[in-house]
Amino acid sequence: MGITLRTLSAWEGHTVSPDDVRNLTRKEATQIYEAEYWEKIDGDELPAGLDYAVFDFAVNSGPARAAMTLQEIVGVPQDGVIGMQTIRAVEGRDVADLINILCDKRKAWLQTLMAANTFGAGWTARVDRVRSRALALAAENKDSPAAAGSGDATAKARQSDTSVTSILTKPEALGSLGSVATGLAAITTGRGPVQYALAAVMILFALVGVWYFIRRVRSEP
C-alpha cells in the first residue's frame, strides 16, 4: 500500500512489524493517506494539479517540508502548516508556474541529501513524473467547463461510476497500476539493495497516484 513501518507505527501508536505493513488493508491505508498527508497539506483547498504535486511531495518528504516549500514560493511565513494565509496567497497565481517552481525546488532539495549519489536519479525521475501529471491535471481543470445539472439519476450514475473497480479501469489509473506491476517484477528479478530500493520507490509513487486519482474522480460533481 506504500505505507512504511515508521508511518504505520506512528499511526498505531506502537511499534509494528513488517507483517503488519504487508497485512494493512486498503481501507486503513486510505485513512492514513487522508489524515497524515492530504489533510495536513489542506489538499481540498489547493488547485487541481498543485494539490497532487504538494501531496506527493508530502508523502515522499513529509507534509511540513512540502508546505514550507509552497509557502516560500508564494511569499508567506514558512511555518510548515498550510492554512488560509497560504491558500489566499496561492489564489490568482498561475497554477502551472507554481507546479514547475515547486518541482524545481523539490529536486534541488533532494540533491542536497546524503543519499542523493545513490538514489538521486530515481528521485529526479519521480519528480519529473509528478510534474508531468500535475501539469496535465491543472490544464484539464482549466479547460473543463463547469458541470451542470443534478438530480437523483445523475447522482446514481456518478455513484456507480466511482466504485473503486470502475475507477481502476480508467486509462490514467491503469498506467499507475502498470507501474506497480513493473516495480513488483523489478523486486522479484533485481539483485542487490539498490535495485530493491528503486523498485520500492516506483511502487510507492504508483500507489500515491492511484490513491489521488480515486479521490479526484470521486470528488467530481
N, C-alpha and C. Protein backbone atom coordinates (compact mmCIF):
# COMPACT_ATOMS: atom_id res chain seq x y z
N MET A 1 0.81 -1.21 0.00
CA MET A 1 0.00 0.00 0.00
C MET A 1 0.85 1.27 0.00
N GLY A 2 2.18 1.11 0.09
CA GLY A 2 3.04 2.28 0.09
C GLY A 2 3.26 2.90 1.46
N ILE A 3 2.73 2.28 2.52
CA ILE A 3 2.89 2.80 3.87
C ILE A 3 4.13 2.16 4.50
N THR A 4 4.99 2.97 5.12
CA THR A 4 6.22 2.45 5.70
C THR A 4 6.01 1.98 7.14
N LEU A 5 7.00 1.25 7.65
CA LEU A 5 6.97 0.81 9.05
C LEU A 5 6.84 2.00 10.00
N ARG A 6 7.62 3.03 9.74
CA ARG A 6 7.62 4.21 10.61
C ARG A 6 6.26 4.89 10.62
N THR A 7 5.67 5.04 9.42
CA THR A 7 4.37 5.71 9.33
C THR A 7 3.29 4.91 10.03
N LEU A 8 3.27 3.59 9.80
CA LEU A 8 2.24 2.76 10.41
C LEU A 8 2.43 2.69 11.93
N SER A 9 3.68 2.66 12.40
CA SER A 9 3.93 2.65 13.84
C SER A 9 3.39 3.92 14.49
N ALA A 10 3.63 5.06 13.85
CA ALA A 10 3.13 6.33 14.38
C ALA A 10 1.60 6.34 14.38
N TRP A 11 1.01 5.79 13.34
CA TRP A 11 -0.45 5.75 13.22
C TRP A 11 -1.06 4.86 14.31
N GLU A 12 -0.44 3.70 14.54
CA GLU A 12 -0.97 2.75 15.52
C GLU A 12 -0.61 3.11 16.96
N GLY A 13 0.44 3.93 17.12
CA GLY A 13 0.86 4.32 18.46
C GLY A 13 1.77 3.31 19.13
N HIS A 14 2.29 2.37 18.36
CA HIS A 14 3.24 1.38 18.89
C HIS A 14 4.04 0.81 17.73
N THR A 15 5.14 0.15 18.05
CA THR A 15 5.99 -0.42 17.01
C THR A 15 5.27 -1.57 16.30
N VAL A 16 5.30 -1.54 14.98
CA VAL A 16 4.66 -2.60 14.20
C VAL A 16 5.72 -3.41 13.48
N SER A 17 5.32 -4.54 12.94
CA SER A 17 6.24 -5.44 12.25
C SER A 17 6.04 -5.34 10.74
N PRO A 18 6.99 -5.86 9.97
CA PRO A 18 6.80 -5.90 8.51
C PRO A 18 5.53 -6.64 8.11
N ASP A 19 5.16 -7.67 8.88
CA ASP A 19 3.92 -8.39 8.59
C ASP A 19 2.70 -7.48 8.75
N ASP A 20 2.75 -6.59 9.74
CA ASP A 20 1.64 -5.65 9.94
C ASP A 20 1.49 -4.75 8.72
N VAL A 21 2.63 -4.32 8.16
CA VAL A 21 2.58 -3.47 6.97
C VAL A 21 2.02 -4.25 5.78
N ARG A 22 2.49 -5.49 5.61
CA ARG A 22 2.01 -6.31 4.50
C ARG A 22 0.52 -6.61 4.61
N ASN A 23 0.03 -6.72 5.84
CA ASN A 23 -1.38 -7.07 6.05
C ASN A 23 -2.29 -5.85 6.14
N LEU A 24 -1.74 -4.67 5.93
CA LEU A 24 -2.52 -3.45 6.00
C LEU A 24 -3.64 -3.48 4.96
N THR A 25 -4.85 -3.15 5.37
CA THR A 25 -5.97 -3.16 4.44
C THR A 25 -6.00 -1.88 3.62
N ARG A 26 -6.66 -1.93 2.47
CA ARG A 26 -6.79 -0.74 1.63
C ARG A 26 -7.53 0.36 2.39
N LYS A 27 -8.52 -0.02 3.20
CA LYS A 27 -9.29 0.97 3.95
C LYS A 27 -8.40 1.73 4.92
N GLU A 28 -7.55 1.00 5.66
CA GLU A 28 -6.69 1.68 6.63
C GLU A 28 -5.61 2.50 5.93
N ALA A 29 -5.07 1.98 4.83
CA ALA A 29 -4.07 2.75 4.08
C ALA A 29 -4.67 4.06 3.58
N THR A 30 -5.91 4.00 3.11
CA THR A 30 -6.60 5.21 2.65
C THR A 30 -6.77 6.20 3.78
N GLN A 31 -7.13 5.70 4.96
CA GLN A 31 -7.29 6.57 6.13
C GLN A 31 -5.97 7.25 6.49
N ILE A 32 -4.87 6.52 6.37
CA ILE A 32 -3.55 7.09 6.70
C ILE A 32 -3.18 8.17 5.69
N TYR A 33 -3.33 7.87 4.40
CA TYR A 33 -3.03 8.88 3.38
C TYR A 33 -3.87 10.13 3.60
N GLU A 34 -5.15 9.92 3.93
CA GLU A 34 -6.07 11.04 4.12
C GLU A 34 -5.65 11.91 5.31
N ALA A 35 -5.46 11.26 6.46
CA ALA A 35 -5.22 12.00 7.70
C ALA A 35 -3.79 12.52 7.81
N GLU A 36 -2.82 11.72 7.40
CA GLU A 36 -1.42 12.07 7.64
C GLU A 36 -0.79 12.91 6.53
N TYR A 37 -1.40 12.92 5.36
CA TYR A 37 -0.80 13.66 4.25
C TYR A 37 -1.78 14.64 3.61
N TRP A 38 -2.92 14.14 3.11
CA TRP A 38 -3.84 15.01 2.37
C TRP A 38 -4.39 16.13 3.24
N GLU A 39 -4.89 15.78 4.41
CA GLU A 39 -5.47 16.81 5.27
C GLU A 39 -4.40 17.76 5.80
N LYS A 40 -3.19 17.27 6.01
CA LYS A 40 -2.14 18.12 6.55
C LYS A 40 -1.61 19.13 5.54
N ILE A 41 -1.87 18.88 4.24
CA ILE A 41 -1.50 19.89 3.25
C ILE A 41 -2.74 20.63 2.74
N ASP A 42 -3.88 20.41 3.41
CA ASP A 42 -5.14 21.07 3.04
C ASP A 42 -5.43 20.88 1.55
N GLY A 43 -5.30 19.62 1.12
CA GLY A 43 -5.41 19.31 -0.30
C GLY A 43 -6.71 19.73 -0.95
N ASP A 44 -7.81 19.70 -0.19
CA ASP A 44 -9.10 20.07 -0.77
C ASP A 44 -9.16 21.54 -1.18
N GLU A 45 -8.30 22.37 -0.59
CA GLU A 45 -8.33 23.80 -0.87
C GLU A 45 -7.32 24.23 -1.93
N LEU A 46 -6.43 23.34 -2.33
CA LEU A 46 -5.43 23.69 -3.34
C LEU A 46 -5.98 23.43 -4.74
N PRO A 47 -5.52 24.19 -5.73
CA PRO A 47 -5.99 23.99 -7.11
C PRO A 47 -5.59 22.61 -7.63
N ALA A 48 -6.40 22.09 -8.56
CA ALA A 48 -6.10 20.80 -9.18
C ALA A 48 -4.72 20.83 -9.82
N GLY A 49 -3.98 19.78 -9.64
CA GLY A 49 -2.62 19.71 -10.17
C GLY A 49 -1.62 20.11 -9.10
N LEU A 50 -1.78 21.30 -8.55
CA LEU A 50 -0.91 21.72 -7.46
C LEU A 50 -1.16 20.84 -6.24
N ASP A 51 -2.43 20.47 -6.02
CA ASP A 51 -2.73 19.59 -4.89
C ASP A 51 -1.97 18.27 -5.00
N TYR A 52 -1.92 17.72 -6.21
CA TYR A 52 -1.22 16.45 -6.42
C TYR A 52 0.29 16.61 -6.22
N ALA A 53 0.86 17.70 -6.74
CA ALA A 53 2.30 17.93 -6.61
C ALA A 53 2.70 18.08 -5.14
N VAL A 54 1.90 18.82 -4.37
CA VAL A 54 2.20 19.02 -2.95
C VAL A 54 1.97 17.72 -2.18
N PHE A 55 0.91 16.99 -2.54
CA PHE A 55 0.58 15.73 -1.86
C PHE A 55 1.70 14.71 -2.04
N ASP A 56 2.19 14.53 -3.26
CA ASP A 56 3.26 13.56 -3.48
C ASP A 56 4.54 13.98 -2.75
N PHE A 57 4.82 15.27 -2.75
CA PHE A 57 5.96 15.82 -2.01
C PHE A 57 5.82 15.46 -0.53
N ALA A 58 4.61 15.62 0.01
CA ALA A 58 4.36 15.34 1.42
C ALA A 58 4.56 13.86 1.74
N VAL A 59 4.08 12.98 0.88
CA VAL A 59 4.24 11.54 1.11
C VAL A 59 5.71 11.16 1.08
N ASN A 60 6.46 11.76 0.18
CA ASN A 60 7.87 11.42 -0.01
C ASN A 60 8.78 12.05 1.04
N SER A 61 8.49 13.30 1.43
CA SER A 61 9.43 14.04 2.28
C SER A 61 8.81 14.66 3.52
N GLY A 62 7.52 14.41 3.75
CA GLY A 62 6.86 14.94 4.93
C GLY A 62 6.01 16.16 4.62
N PRO A 63 4.83 16.26 5.24
CA PRO A 63 3.94 17.40 4.98
C PRO A 63 4.56 18.75 5.30
N ALA A 64 5.36 18.84 6.36
CA ALA A 64 5.95 20.13 6.73
C ALA A 64 6.90 20.63 5.66
N ARG A 65 7.75 19.75 5.14
CA ARG A 65 8.69 20.14 4.08
C ARG A 65 7.93 20.61 2.84
N ALA A 66 6.90 19.86 2.44
CA ALA A 66 6.12 20.24 1.27
C ALA A 66 5.43 21.58 1.49
N ALA A 67 4.87 21.77 2.68
CA ALA A 67 4.17 23.02 2.98
C ALA A 67 5.13 24.21 2.98
N MET A 68 6.28 24.05 3.61
CA MET A 68 7.24 25.16 3.68
C MET A 68 7.76 25.55 2.31
N THR A 69 7.92 24.56 1.43
CA THR A 69 8.38 24.88 0.08
C THR A 69 7.33 25.69 -0.67
N LEU A 70 6.06 25.29 -0.56
CA LEU A 70 4.99 26.06 -1.19
C LEU A 70 4.91 27.46 -0.58
N GLN A 71 5.04 27.56 0.73
CA GLN A 71 4.96 28.86 1.40
C GLN A 71 6.10 29.78 0.98
N GLU A 72 7.28 29.21 0.79
CA GLU A 72 8.41 30.00 0.30
C GLU A 72 8.10 30.58 -1.08
N ILE A 73 7.48 29.77 -1.93
CA ILE A 73 7.19 30.19 -3.29
C ILE A 73 6.18 31.34 -3.32
N VAL A 74 5.14 31.25 -2.48
CA VAL A 74 4.08 32.26 -2.53
C VAL A 74 4.32 33.42 -1.56
N GLY A 75 5.44 33.37 -0.82
CA GLY A 75 5.83 34.52 -0.01
C GLY A 75 5.09 34.71 1.29
N VAL A 76 4.78 33.61 1.98
CA VAL A 76 4.15 33.71 3.30
C VAL A 76 5.07 33.04 4.32
N PRO A 77 4.86 33.29 5.63
CA PRO A 77 5.72 32.68 6.65
C PRO A 77 5.77 31.16 6.51
N GLN A 78 6.97 30.61 6.61
CA GLN A 78 7.18 29.18 6.41
C GLN A 78 7.04 28.43 7.74
N ASP A 79 5.79 28.23 8.15
CA ASP A 79 5.55 27.53 9.41
C ASP A 79 5.26 26.05 9.22
N GLY A 80 5.23 25.59 7.96
CA GLY A 80 5.00 24.18 7.69
C GLY A 80 3.57 23.73 7.80
N VAL A 81 2.64 24.69 7.92
CA VAL A 81 1.22 24.37 8.02
C VAL A 81 0.47 25.17 6.97
N ILE A 82 -0.17 24.49 6.04
CA ILE A 82 -0.93 25.19 5.00
C ILE A 82 -2.30 25.56 5.56
N GLY A 83 -2.52 26.86 5.71
CA GLY A 83 -3.80 27.37 6.20
C GLY A 83 -4.33 28.42 5.25
N MET A 84 -5.26 29.23 5.73
CA MET A 84 -5.92 30.19 4.85
C MET A 84 -4.95 31.23 4.30
N GLN A 85 -3.93 31.61 5.06
CA GLN A 85 -2.97 32.59 4.55
C GLN A 85 -2.25 32.05 3.32
N THR A 86 -1.85 30.79 3.39
CA THR A 86 -1.18 30.17 2.24
C THR A 86 -2.14 29.99 1.08
N ILE A 87 -3.36 29.54 1.38
CA ILE A 87 -4.36 29.32 0.32
C ILE A 87 -4.66 30.63 -0.40
N ARG A 88 -4.82 31.72 0.36
CA ARG A 88 -5.09 33.02 -0.26
C ARG A 88 -3.92 33.48 -1.12
N ALA A 89 -2.70 33.17 -0.68
CA ALA A 89 -1.52 33.57 -1.45
C ALA A 89 -1.42 32.78 -2.76
N VAL A 90 -1.96 31.57 -2.76
CA VAL A 90 -1.96 30.74 -3.97
C VAL A 90 -2.98 31.25 -4.98
N GLU A 91 -4.10 31.76 -4.48
CA GLU A 91 -5.18 32.23 -5.36
C GLU A 91 -4.69 33.34 -6.28
N GLY A 92 -5.05 33.23 -7.53
CA GLY A 92 -4.66 34.24 -8.50
C GLY A 92 -3.32 33.99 -9.15
N ARG A 93 -2.56 33.03 -8.60
CA ARG A 93 -1.27 32.69 -9.21
C ARG A 93 -1.48 31.67 -10.32
N ASP A 94 -0.59 31.68 -11.29
CA ASP A 94 -0.66 30.70 -12.36
C ASP A 94 -0.29 29.32 -11.80
N VAL A 95 -1.23 28.38 -11.89
CA VAL A 95 -1.03 27.07 -11.25
C VAL A 95 0.14 26.33 -11.88
N ALA A 96 0.26 26.40 -13.20
CA ALA A 96 1.37 25.70 -13.87
C ALA A 96 2.71 26.25 -13.40
N ASP A 97 2.80 27.57 -13.23
CA ASP A 97 4.05 28.15 -12.73
C ASP A 97 4.37 27.64 -11.32
N LEU A 98 3.34 27.59 -10.47
CA LEU A 98 3.56 27.11 -9.10
C LEU A 98 4.03 25.65 -9.11
N ILE A 99 3.43 24.84 -9.96
CA ILE A 99 3.83 23.43 -10.05
C ILE A 99 5.29 23.31 -10.49
N ASN A 100 5.66 24.07 -11.51
CA ASN A 100 7.03 23.99 -12.02
C ASN A 100 8.05 24.46 -10.98
N ILE A 101 7.75 25.56 -10.31
CA ILE A 101 8.68 26.07 -9.30
C ILE A 101 8.78 25.09 -8.13
N LEU A 102 7.64 24.55 -7.70
CA LEU A 102 7.63 23.59 -6.60
C LEU A 102 8.48 22.37 -6.95
N CYS A 103 8.30 21.83 -8.14
CA CYS A 103 9.05 20.64 -8.54
C CYS A 103 10.54 20.95 -8.68
N ASP A 104 10.87 22.13 -9.19
CA ASP A 104 12.28 22.52 -9.30
C ASP A 104 12.92 22.61 -7.91
N LYS A 105 12.22 23.22 -6.98
CA LYS A 105 12.75 23.35 -5.62
C LYS A 105 12.84 21.99 -4.93
N ARG A 106 11.87 21.15 -5.19
CA ARG A 106 11.90 19.80 -4.61
C ARG A 106 13.11 19.03 -5.10
N LYS A 107 13.36 19.08 -6.40
CA LYS A 107 14.53 18.39 -6.96
C LYS A 107 15.83 18.95 -6.39
N ALA A 108 15.91 20.26 -6.28
CA ALA A 108 17.12 20.87 -5.75
C ALA A 108 17.37 20.44 -4.31
N TRP A 109 16.30 20.39 -3.50
CA TRP A 109 16.45 19.98 -2.11
C TRP A 109 16.86 18.51 -2.01
N LEU A 110 16.27 17.65 -2.81
CA LEU A 110 16.61 16.22 -2.78
C LEU A 110 18.09 16.00 -3.09
N GLN A 111 18.64 16.82 -3.97
CA GLN A 111 20.04 16.64 -4.34
C GLN A 111 21.00 17.04 -3.22
N THR A 112 20.49 17.69 -2.17
CA THR A 112 21.35 18.05 -1.04
C THR A 112 21.44 16.92 -0.01
N LEU A 113 20.63 15.89 -0.15
CA LEU A 113 20.61 14.80 0.82
C LEU A 113 21.79 13.86 0.62
N MET A 114 22.21 13.22 1.70
CA MET A 114 23.38 12.35 1.65
C MET A 114 23.21 11.18 0.69
N ALA A 115 21.99 10.69 0.57
CA ALA A 115 21.75 9.52 -0.28
C ALA A 115 21.55 9.88 -1.74
N ALA A 116 21.74 11.14 -2.10
CA ALA A 116 21.48 11.57 -3.48
C ALA A 116 22.37 10.86 -4.48
N ASN A 117 23.61 10.55 -4.09
CA ASN A 117 24.51 9.86 -5.02
C ASN A 117 23.97 8.49 -5.41
N THR A 118 23.25 7.86 -4.49
CA THR A 118 22.70 6.53 -4.76
C THR A 118 21.32 6.59 -5.37
N PHE A 119 20.46 7.43 -4.79
CA PHE A 119 19.05 7.43 -5.19
C PHE A 119 18.62 8.67 -5.97
N GLY A 120 19.55 9.59 -6.21
CA GLY A 120 19.20 10.85 -6.85
C GLY A 120 18.50 10.70 -8.18
N ALA A 121 18.98 9.77 -9.01
CA ALA A 121 18.37 9.59 -10.33
C ALA A 121 16.92 9.14 -10.21
N GLY A 122 16.66 8.22 -9.27
CA GLY A 122 15.29 7.75 -9.06
C GLY A 122 14.39 8.84 -8.53
N TRP A 123 14.92 9.64 -7.59
CA TRP A 123 14.13 10.75 -7.05
C TRP A 123 13.79 11.76 -8.14
N THR A 124 14.79 12.07 -8.97
CA THR A 124 14.57 13.04 -10.05
C THR A 124 13.51 12.54 -11.02
N ALA A 125 13.58 11.25 -11.36
CA ALA A 125 12.59 10.68 -12.27
C ALA A 125 11.19 10.75 -11.67
N ARG A 126 11.10 10.50 -10.36
CA ARG A 126 9.80 10.58 -9.70
C ARG A 126 9.23 11.99 -9.79
N VAL A 127 10.05 12.99 -9.48
CA VAL A 127 9.57 14.38 -9.51
C VAL A 127 9.17 14.77 -10.93
N ASP A 128 9.91 14.30 -11.91
CA ASP A 128 9.56 14.60 -13.30
C ASP A 128 8.20 14.01 -13.67
N ARG A 129 7.94 12.79 -13.19
CA ARG A 129 6.63 12.17 -13.46
C ARG A 129 5.52 12.93 -12.74
N VAL A 130 5.79 13.35 -11.51
CA VAL A 130 4.79 14.13 -10.77
C VAL A 130 4.51 15.44 -11.49
N ARG A 131 5.57 16.11 -11.94
CA ARG A 131 5.39 17.38 -12.65
C ARG A 131 4.50 17.20 -13.88
N SER A 132 4.80 16.17 -14.66
CA SER A 132 4.03 15.93 -15.89
C SER A 132 2.56 15.69 -15.58
N ARG A 133 2.29 14.84 -14.58
CA ARG A 133 0.91 14.53 -14.25
C ARG A 133 0.21 15.75 -13.65
N ALA A 134 0.90 16.49 -12.79
CA ALA A 134 0.30 17.66 -12.15
C ALA A 134 -0.06 18.73 -13.17
N LEU A 135 0.83 18.97 -14.13
CA LEU A 135 0.54 19.95 -15.18
C LEU A 135 -0.65 19.52 -16.03
N ALA A 136 -0.75 18.22 -16.30
CA ALA A 136 -1.89 17.71 -17.07
C ALA A 136 -3.19 17.91 -16.30
N LEU A 137 -3.16 17.66 -15.00
CA LEU A 137 -4.35 17.86 -14.17
C LEU A 137 -4.75 19.33 -14.13
N ALA A 138 -3.76 20.21 -14.02
CA ALA A 138 -4.05 21.64 -13.98
C ALA A 138 -4.66 22.11 -15.29
N ALA A 139 -4.11 21.63 -16.41
CA ALA A 139 -4.63 22.02 -17.72
C ALA A 139 -6.04 21.48 -17.93
N GLU A 140 -6.26 20.25 -17.49
CA GLU A 140 -7.59 19.64 -17.62
C GLU A 140 -8.63 20.42 -16.83
N ASN A 141 -8.27 20.82 -15.62
CA ASN A 141 -9.20 21.57 -14.78
C ASN A 141 -9.48 22.95 -15.36
N LYS A 142 -8.44 23.57 -15.93
CA LYS A 142 -8.58 24.91 -16.51
C LYS A 142 -9.49 24.90 -17.72
N ASP A 143 -9.41 23.83 -18.52
CA ASP A 143 -10.15 23.76 -19.77
C ASP A 143 -11.55 23.17 -19.63
N SER A 144 -11.83 22.51 -18.48
CA SER A 144 -13.11 21.84 -18.33
C SER A 144 -14.21 22.84 -18.02
N PRO A 145 -15.36 22.75 -18.73
CA PRO A 145 -16.49 23.62 -18.39
C PRO A 145 -17.09 23.20 -17.07
N ALA A 146 -17.75 24.13 -16.40
CA ALA A 146 -18.39 23.81 -15.12
C ALA A 146 -19.46 22.76 -15.34
N ALA A 147 -19.54 21.81 -14.42
CA ALA A 147 -20.55 20.76 -14.53
C ALA A 147 -21.92 21.36 -14.29
N ALA A 148 -22.88 20.91 -15.07
CA ALA A 148 -24.24 21.43 -14.93
C ALA A 148 -25.21 20.28 -14.71
N GLY A 149 -26.32 20.63 -14.03
CA GLY A 149 -27.36 19.63 -13.82
C GLY A 149 -27.10 18.77 -12.62
N SER A 150 -28.18 18.27 -12.05
CA SER A 150 -28.07 17.38 -10.91
C SER A 150 -29.31 16.51 -10.89
N GLY A 151 -29.58 15.88 -9.77
CA GLY A 151 -30.76 15.04 -9.67
C GLY A 151 -30.39 13.63 -9.31
N ASP A 152 -31.41 12.85 -8.95
CA ASP A 152 -31.18 11.50 -8.47
C ASP A 152 -30.52 10.63 -9.53
N ALA A 153 -30.97 10.75 -10.78
CA ALA A 153 -30.41 9.89 -11.83
C ALA A 153 -28.93 10.16 -12.01
N THR A 154 -28.56 11.46 -12.02
CA THR A 154 -27.16 11.82 -12.17
C THR A 154 -26.35 11.33 -10.99
N ALA A 155 -26.90 11.53 -9.79
CA ALA A 155 -26.19 11.11 -8.59
C ALA A 155 -25.96 9.61 -8.59
N LYS A 156 -26.97 8.85 -9.00
CA LYS A 156 -26.82 7.40 -9.03
C LYS A 156 -25.79 6.98 -10.07
N ALA A 157 -25.80 7.69 -11.21
CA ALA A 157 -24.82 7.36 -12.25
C ALA A 157 -23.41 7.62 -11.75
N ARG A 158 -23.21 8.75 -11.04
CA ARG A 158 -21.89 9.06 -10.51
C ARG A 158 -21.47 8.03 -9.48
N GLN A 159 -22.42 7.62 -8.61
CA GLN A 159 -22.09 6.65 -7.58
C GLN A 159 -21.64 5.34 -8.21
N SER A 160 -22.33 4.92 -9.27
CA SER A 160 -21.95 3.69 -9.95
C SER A 160 -20.60 3.82 -10.60
N ASP A 161 -20.35 5.00 -11.19
CA ASP A 161 -19.13 5.20 -11.95
C ASP A 161 -17.91 5.37 -11.05
N THR A 162 -18.11 5.63 -9.74
CA THR A 162 -16.97 5.90 -8.88
C THR A 162 -16.67 4.77 -7.91
N SER A 163 -17.16 3.57 -8.18
CA SER A 163 -16.69 2.44 -7.39
C SER A 163 -15.21 2.25 -7.70
N VAL A 164 -14.48 1.70 -6.74
CA VAL A 164 -13.04 1.52 -6.94
C VAL A 164 -12.77 0.70 -8.19
N THR A 165 -13.56 -0.36 -8.40
CA THR A 165 -13.35 -1.22 -9.56
C THR A 165 -13.51 -0.44 -10.86
N SER A 166 -14.56 0.40 -10.93
CA SER A 166 -14.79 1.18 -12.14
C SER A 166 -13.68 2.18 -12.38
N ILE A 167 -13.25 2.85 -11.31
CA ILE A 167 -12.20 3.85 -11.44
C ILE A 167 -10.91 3.23 -11.93
N LEU A 168 -10.58 2.05 -11.41
CA LEU A 168 -9.30 1.43 -11.74
C LEU A 168 -9.25 0.91 -13.17
N THR A 169 -10.39 0.92 -13.89
CA THR A 169 -10.36 0.53 -15.30
C THR A 169 -10.09 1.73 -16.21
N LYS A 170 -10.05 2.93 -15.64
CA LYS A 170 -9.79 4.11 -16.44
C LYS A 170 -8.31 4.15 -16.85
N PRO A 171 -7.98 4.69 -18.03
CA PRO A 171 -6.60 4.67 -18.52
C PRO A 171 -5.59 5.27 -17.56
N GLU A 172 -5.93 6.38 -16.90
CA GLU A 172 -4.97 7.02 -16.01
C GLU A 172 -4.61 6.12 -14.84
N ALA A 173 -5.63 5.43 -14.30
CA ALA A 173 -5.36 4.51 -13.19
C ALA A 173 -4.60 3.29 -13.67
N LEU A 174 -4.92 2.79 -14.85
CA LEU A 174 -4.23 1.62 -15.38
C LEU A 174 -2.74 1.89 -15.55
N GLY A 175 -2.39 3.14 -15.90
CA GLY A 175 -0.97 3.48 -16.02
C GLY A 175 -0.25 3.34 -14.70
N SER A 176 -0.88 3.80 -13.62
CA SER A 176 -0.27 3.69 -12.30
C SER A 176 -0.19 2.24 -11.86
N LEU A 177 -1.24 1.47 -12.13
CA LEU A 177 -1.22 0.06 -11.75
C LEU A 177 -0.15 -0.69 -12.53
N GLY A 178 0.09 -0.27 -13.77
CA GLY A 178 1.16 -0.87 -14.54
C GLY A 178 2.52 -0.62 -13.91
N SER A 179 2.69 0.57 -13.33
CA SER A 179 3.94 0.88 -12.64
C SER A 179 4.12 0.01 -11.40
N VAL A 180 3.00 -0.28 -10.71
CA VAL A 180 3.08 -1.18 -9.56
C VAL A 180 3.57 -2.55 -10.01
N ALA A 181 2.99 -3.05 -11.10
CA ALA A 181 3.39 -4.36 -11.60
C ALA A 181 4.85 -4.38 -12.01
N THR A 182 5.30 -3.29 -12.65
CA THR A 182 6.70 -3.20 -13.06
C THR A 182 7.62 -3.21 -11.85
N GLY A 183 7.22 -2.46 -10.81
CA GLY A 183 8.03 -2.42 -9.60
C GLY A 183 8.11 -3.77 -8.92
N LEU A 184 6.99 -4.48 -8.87
CA LEU A 184 6.99 -5.81 -8.26
C LEU A 184 7.87 -6.77 -9.05
N ALA A 185 7.82 -6.65 -10.38
CA ALA A 185 8.68 -7.50 -11.20
C ALA A 185 10.15 -7.19 -10.96
N ALA A 186 10.46 -5.89 -10.78
CA ALA A 186 11.85 -5.50 -10.53
C ALA A 186 12.35 -6.05 -9.21
N ILE A 187 11.47 -6.06 -8.20
CA ILE A 187 11.86 -6.63 -6.91
C ILE A 187 12.13 -8.12 -7.04
N THR A 188 11.29 -8.79 -7.83
CA THR A 188 11.43 -10.24 -8.00
C THR A 188 12.71 -10.61 -8.73
N THR A 189 13.07 -9.81 -9.75
CA THR A 189 14.22 -10.17 -10.59
C THR A 189 15.48 -9.39 -10.26
N GLY A 190 15.36 -8.32 -9.45
CA GLY A 190 16.51 -7.47 -9.17
C GLY A 190 17.53 -8.13 -8.26
N ARG A 191 18.71 -7.56 -8.26
CA ARG A 191 19.78 -8.06 -7.42
C ARG A 191 20.39 -6.89 -6.65
N GLY A 192 20.42 -7.03 -5.35
CA GLY A 192 21.06 -6.01 -4.53
C GLY A 192 20.09 -5.01 -3.95
N PRO A 193 20.49 -4.35 -2.85
CA PRO A 193 19.61 -3.42 -2.14
C PRO A 193 19.23 -2.19 -2.95
N VAL A 194 20.12 -1.71 -3.81
CA VAL A 194 19.80 -0.51 -4.59
C VAL A 194 18.65 -0.78 -5.54
N GLN A 195 18.70 -1.93 -6.23
CA GLN A 195 17.62 -2.27 -7.15
C GLN A 195 16.30 -2.44 -6.40
N TYR A 196 16.37 -3.09 -5.23
CA TYR A 196 15.15 -3.26 -4.45
C TYR A 196 14.59 -1.91 -4.01
N ALA A 197 15.46 -1.02 -3.57
CA ALA A 197 15.01 0.29 -3.09
C ALA A 197 14.38 1.10 -4.22
N LEU A 198 15.00 1.08 -5.39
CA LEU A 198 14.45 1.82 -6.53
C LEU A 198 13.10 1.26 -6.94
N ALA A 199 12.96 -0.07 -6.90
CA ALA A 199 11.68 -0.68 -7.24
C ALA A 199 10.62 -0.29 -6.22
N ALA A 200 11.00 -0.24 -4.94
CA ALA A 200 10.05 0.15 -3.89
C ALA A 200 9.58 1.59 -4.10
N VAL A 201 10.51 2.47 -4.50
CA VAL A 201 10.14 3.86 -4.78
C VAL A 201 9.14 3.92 -5.93
N MET A 202 9.37 3.10 -6.96
CA MET A 202 8.46 3.05 -8.10
C MET A 202 7.05 2.64 -7.67
N ILE A 203 6.99 1.64 -6.79
CA ILE A 203 5.69 1.16 -6.32
C ILE A 203 4.99 2.23 -5.49
N LEU A 204 5.75 2.89 -4.59
CA LEU A 204 5.16 3.93 -3.75
C LEU A 204 4.61 5.06 -4.61
N PHE A 205 5.38 5.50 -5.60
CA PHE A 205 4.92 6.57 -6.48
C PHE A 205 3.61 6.18 -7.17
N ALA A 206 3.56 4.94 -7.67
CA ALA A 206 2.37 4.49 -8.38
C ALA A 206 1.16 4.42 -7.46
N LEU A 207 1.35 3.93 -6.23
CA LEU A 207 0.24 3.82 -5.29
C LEU A 207 -0.29 5.18 -4.88
N VAL A 208 0.61 6.15 -4.71
CA VAL A 208 0.17 7.51 -4.41
C VAL A 208 -0.68 8.04 -5.56
N GLY A 209 -0.25 7.76 -6.79
CA GLY A 209 -1.02 8.19 -7.96
C GLY A 209 -2.40 7.56 -8.01
N VAL A 210 -2.48 6.27 -7.71
CA VAL A 210 -3.78 5.58 -7.70
C VAL A 210 -4.69 6.19 -6.64
N TRP A 211 -4.15 6.41 -5.42
CA TRP A 211 -4.96 6.97 -4.33
C TRP A 211 -5.49 8.34 -4.73
N TYR A 212 -4.62 9.19 -5.27
CA TYR A 212 -5.04 10.54 -5.64
C TYR A 212 -6.09 10.48 -6.75
N PHE A 213 -5.90 9.61 -7.73
CA PHE A 213 -6.83 9.54 -8.85
C PHE A 213 -8.21 9.09 -8.39
N ILE A 214 -8.27 8.08 -7.50
CA ILE A 214 -9.55 7.62 -6.97
C ILE A 214 -10.25 8.76 -6.24
N ARG A 215 -9.51 9.48 -5.42
CA ARG A 215 -10.10 10.59 -4.66
C ARG A 215 -10.61 11.68 -5.59
N ARG A 216 -9.82 12.01 -6.62
CA ARG A 216 -10.21 13.09 -7.53
C ARG A 216 -11.47 12.73 -8.30
N VAL A 217 -11.56 11.49 -8.79
CA VAL A 217 -12.74 11.07 -9.53
C VAL A 217 -13.97 11.09 -8.64
N ARG A 218 -13.84 10.63 -7.41
CA ARG A 218 -14.98 10.59 -6.50
C ARG A 218 -15.44 11.98 -6.08
N SER A 219 -14.55 12.97 -6.15
CA SER A 219 -14.92 14.32 -5.73
C SER A 219 -15.49 15.15 -6.86
N GLU A 220 -15.48 14.61 -8.09
CA GLU A 220 -16.02 15.36 -9.21
C GLU A 220 -17.53 15.50 -9.06
N PRO A 221 -18.09 16.64 -9.49
CA PRO A 221 -19.54 16.84 -9.38
C PRO A 221 -20.30 15.92 -10.32
